[in-house]
N, C-alpha and C. Protein backbone atom coordinates (compact mmCIF):
# COMPACT_ATOMS: atom_id res chain seq x y z
N MET A 1 76.07 52.61 152.02
CA MET A 1 76.71 52.39 150.76
C MET A 1 78.01 51.61 150.99
N ASN A 2 78.17 50.52 150.25
CA ASN A 2 79.39 49.72 150.31
C ASN A 2 80.33 50.13 149.19
N LEU A 3 81.58 50.31 149.53
CA LEU A 3 82.60 50.58 148.52
C LEU A 3 83.51 49.39 148.41
N THR A 4 83.89 49.07 147.20
CA THR A 4 84.83 47.99 146.96
C THR A 4 85.98 48.54 146.15
N PHE A 5 87.19 48.28 146.61
CA PHE A 5 88.38 48.71 145.90
C PHE A 5 89.01 47.52 145.21
N ARG A 6 89.48 47.73 143.99
CA ARG A 6 90.16 46.68 143.26
C ARG A 6 91.16 47.32 142.32
N ASN A 7 92.08 46.53 141.84
CA ASN A 7 93.02 47.02 140.84
C ASN A 7 92.29 47.26 139.53
N ALA A 8 92.77 48.22 138.78
CA ALA A 8 92.19 48.48 137.46
C ALA A 8 92.46 47.31 136.53
N GLU A 9 91.54 47.08 135.63
CA GLU A 9 91.67 46.01 134.65
C GLU A 9 91.63 46.63 133.25
N ARG A 10 92.04 45.86 132.27
CA ARG A 10 92.07 46.33 130.89
C ARG A 10 90.72 46.90 130.47
N LYS A 11 89.64 46.31 130.92
CA LYS A 11 88.30 46.77 130.52
C LYS A 11 87.96 48.15 131.10
N ASP A 12 88.77 48.65 132.03
CA ASP A 12 88.52 49.93 132.67
C ASP A 12 89.19 51.11 131.96
N THR A 13 90.01 50.83 130.96
CA THR A 13 90.82 51.89 130.37
C THR A 13 89.99 53.03 129.77
N LEU A 14 88.92 52.73 129.11
CA LEU A 14 88.10 53.77 128.51
C LEU A 14 87.51 54.69 129.58
N LEU A 15 87.05 54.11 130.67
CA LEU A 15 86.48 54.90 131.76
C LEU A 15 87.57 55.75 132.43
N ILE A 16 88.73 55.19 132.64
CA ILE A 16 89.83 55.94 133.25
C ILE A 16 90.22 57.11 132.36
N LEU A 17 90.30 56.87 131.07
CA LEU A 17 90.64 57.94 130.13
C LEU A 17 89.56 59.03 130.16
N GLN A 18 88.32 58.64 130.27
CA GLN A 18 87.24 59.61 130.37
C GLN A 18 87.43 60.47 131.62
N PHE A 19 87.76 59.86 132.76
CA PHE A 19 87.98 60.61 134.00
C PHE A 19 89.14 61.59 133.84
N ILE A 20 90.22 61.13 133.21
CA ILE A 20 91.39 61.99 132.98
C ILE A 20 90.99 63.20 132.15
N LYS A 21 90.26 62.96 131.08
CA LYS A 21 89.87 64.06 130.20
C LYS A 21 88.89 65.01 130.86
N GLU A 22 87.96 64.50 131.66
CA GLU A 22 87.01 65.36 132.35
C GLU A 22 87.71 66.24 133.38
N LEU A 23 88.66 65.67 134.09
CA LEU A 23 89.41 66.47 135.06
C LEU A 23 90.24 67.52 134.35
N ALA A 24 90.90 67.14 133.27
CA ALA A 24 91.69 68.09 132.50
C ALA A 24 90.82 69.22 131.95
N ASP A 25 89.64 68.88 131.47
CA ASP A 25 88.71 69.90 130.96
C ASP A 25 88.31 70.85 132.08
N TYR A 26 88.01 70.32 133.24
CA TYR A 26 87.64 71.14 134.39
C TYR A 26 88.77 72.10 134.75
N GLU A 27 90.00 71.60 134.66
CA GLU A 27 91.18 72.40 135.02
C GLU A 27 91.65 73.27 133.85
N LYS A 28 90.89 73.28 132.76
CA LYS A 28 91.24 74.05 131.55
C LYS A 28 92.59 73.60 130.98
N MET A 29 92.83 72.28 131.00
CA MET A 29 94.10 71.72 130.52
C MET A 29 93.87 70.56 129.55
N LEU A 30 92.70 70.50 128.95
CA LEU A 30 92.36 69.38 128.07
C LEU A 30 93.34 69.27 126.90
N ASN A 31 93.84 70.38 126.43
CA ASN A 31 94.78 70.35 125.31
C ASN A 31 96.12 69.73 125.68
N GLU A 32 96.37 69.51 126.97
CA GLU A 32 97.64 68.93 127.42
C GLU A 32 97.56 67.41 127.63
N VAL A 33 96.39 66.84 127.51
CA VAL A 33 96.23 65.40 127.70
C VAL A 33 96.86 64.66 126.52
N VAL A 34 97.80 63.79 126.82
CA VAL A 34 98.46 63.00 125.77
C VAL A 34 98.14 61.51 125.92
N ALA A 35 97.46 61.15 126.97
CA ALA A 35 97.11 59.75 127.21
C ALA A 35 96.11 59.27 126.16
N VAL A 36 96.28 58.02 125.77
CA VAL A 36 95.32 57.35 124.89
C VAL A 36 95.02 55.99 125.51
N GLU A 37 93.97 55.37 125.06
CA GLU A 37 93.54 54.11 125.64
C GLU A 37 94.63 53.04 125.58
N ALA A 38 95.37 52.99 124.49
CA ALA A 38 96.43 51.98 124.35
C ALA A 38 97.53 52.18 125.39
N THR A 39 97.87 53.43 125.68
CA THR A 39 98.88 53.71 126.70
C THR A 39 98.41 53.23 128.07
N LEU A 40 97.16 53.51 128.39
CA LEU A 40 96.62 53.08 129.68
C LEU A 40 96.62 51.56 129.78
N GLU A 41 96.28 50.88 128.71
CA GLU A 41 96.29 49.42 128.72
C GLU A 41 97.68 48.89 129.05
N THR A 42 98.70 49.51 128.48
CA THR A 42 100.08 49.10 128.74
C THR A 42 100.42 49.29 130.21
N TRP A 43 100.04 50.42 130.78
CA TRP A 43 100.36 50.71 132.17
C TRP A 43 99.62 49.80 133.13
N ILE A 44 98.41 49.41 132.79
CA ILE A 44 97.59 48.60 133.70
C ILE A 44 98.05 47.15 133.75
N CYS A 45 98.47 46.62 132.63
CA CYS A 45 98.84 45.21 132.56
C CYS A 45 100.13 44.89 133.23
């Protein structure tokens, strides 16, 4: 299996937010997630 690393791009924000929410749900902290897709877009650019 080949792995490729790259910087996140604007098109990745929805997937990143999904990962954040899934981890928070696993940790029973979903109610503490304040990130939204627009915030992630700002941080990535």
